[in-house]
Amino acid sequence: MLTMKAKYALRAMSELARSGEQRLQAHELAVRCRAPGKFLETILVDLRTAGFVESRRGQRGGHMLALPAEDIMIGDLIRAIDGPLAPVRCASVTDYKPCRDCPDPDACALRALMRESRDALSQVLDARSLRDFALADAPPAAPH
C-alpha cells in the first residue's frame, strides 16, 4: 500500500518535473501538492538524499529535479520513500528476509504469490517515468 509520504513525494516530483529549470520553494511546492509544509520538507530531504532532487538555499533558492524526468522511474521513487515494493519481506528482491515460522521459503505458496504480485507491480512502476506521470498528472488546460 502506498503511504501518504509516497503520495506527497510523487505529487512534489510531478510538480518539479513540470517546472523544468525553475526552482520551486518548499512552501510553493507544498501549496501546489496540497501537502503539509513541514512533512513535505522532510520528504524533500529524503528525495535529495536519494539523488532525485537538487536544493539550494537563499532568495533564489528552491528545489528542482537532479535528473531529467524521463530518467526517473516511478518505482525507484516509491522505493526511495517507502522501501521495497514487495508486500512481505520474504518476497522482496532488495530487502529479503525469510519468515521465522516458514519451514521452507522455496516451497512456500504464500511467498510465491507475493513474489508474483511484487513482479506485476514492479513491471508497471518501473516502466513509467516521472515525465510520463507528470504529463498524465497535469491539470487540465484552461479554456481559451
Foldseek 3Di string as FASTA:
>chain_A
DQDVLLLLLLQLQLVQLVVPPQFDALVRSCVSSVHPSVSVVVSVVLCVVLQQWDWDDDPRTHIHGRDRQQPAFQLSSRCSGPNFQFPDQCLGPVRHDDDPPDPDSVPDPVSVVSVVVSVVVCVVRRVHTSNNVSVVPPDDDDDD
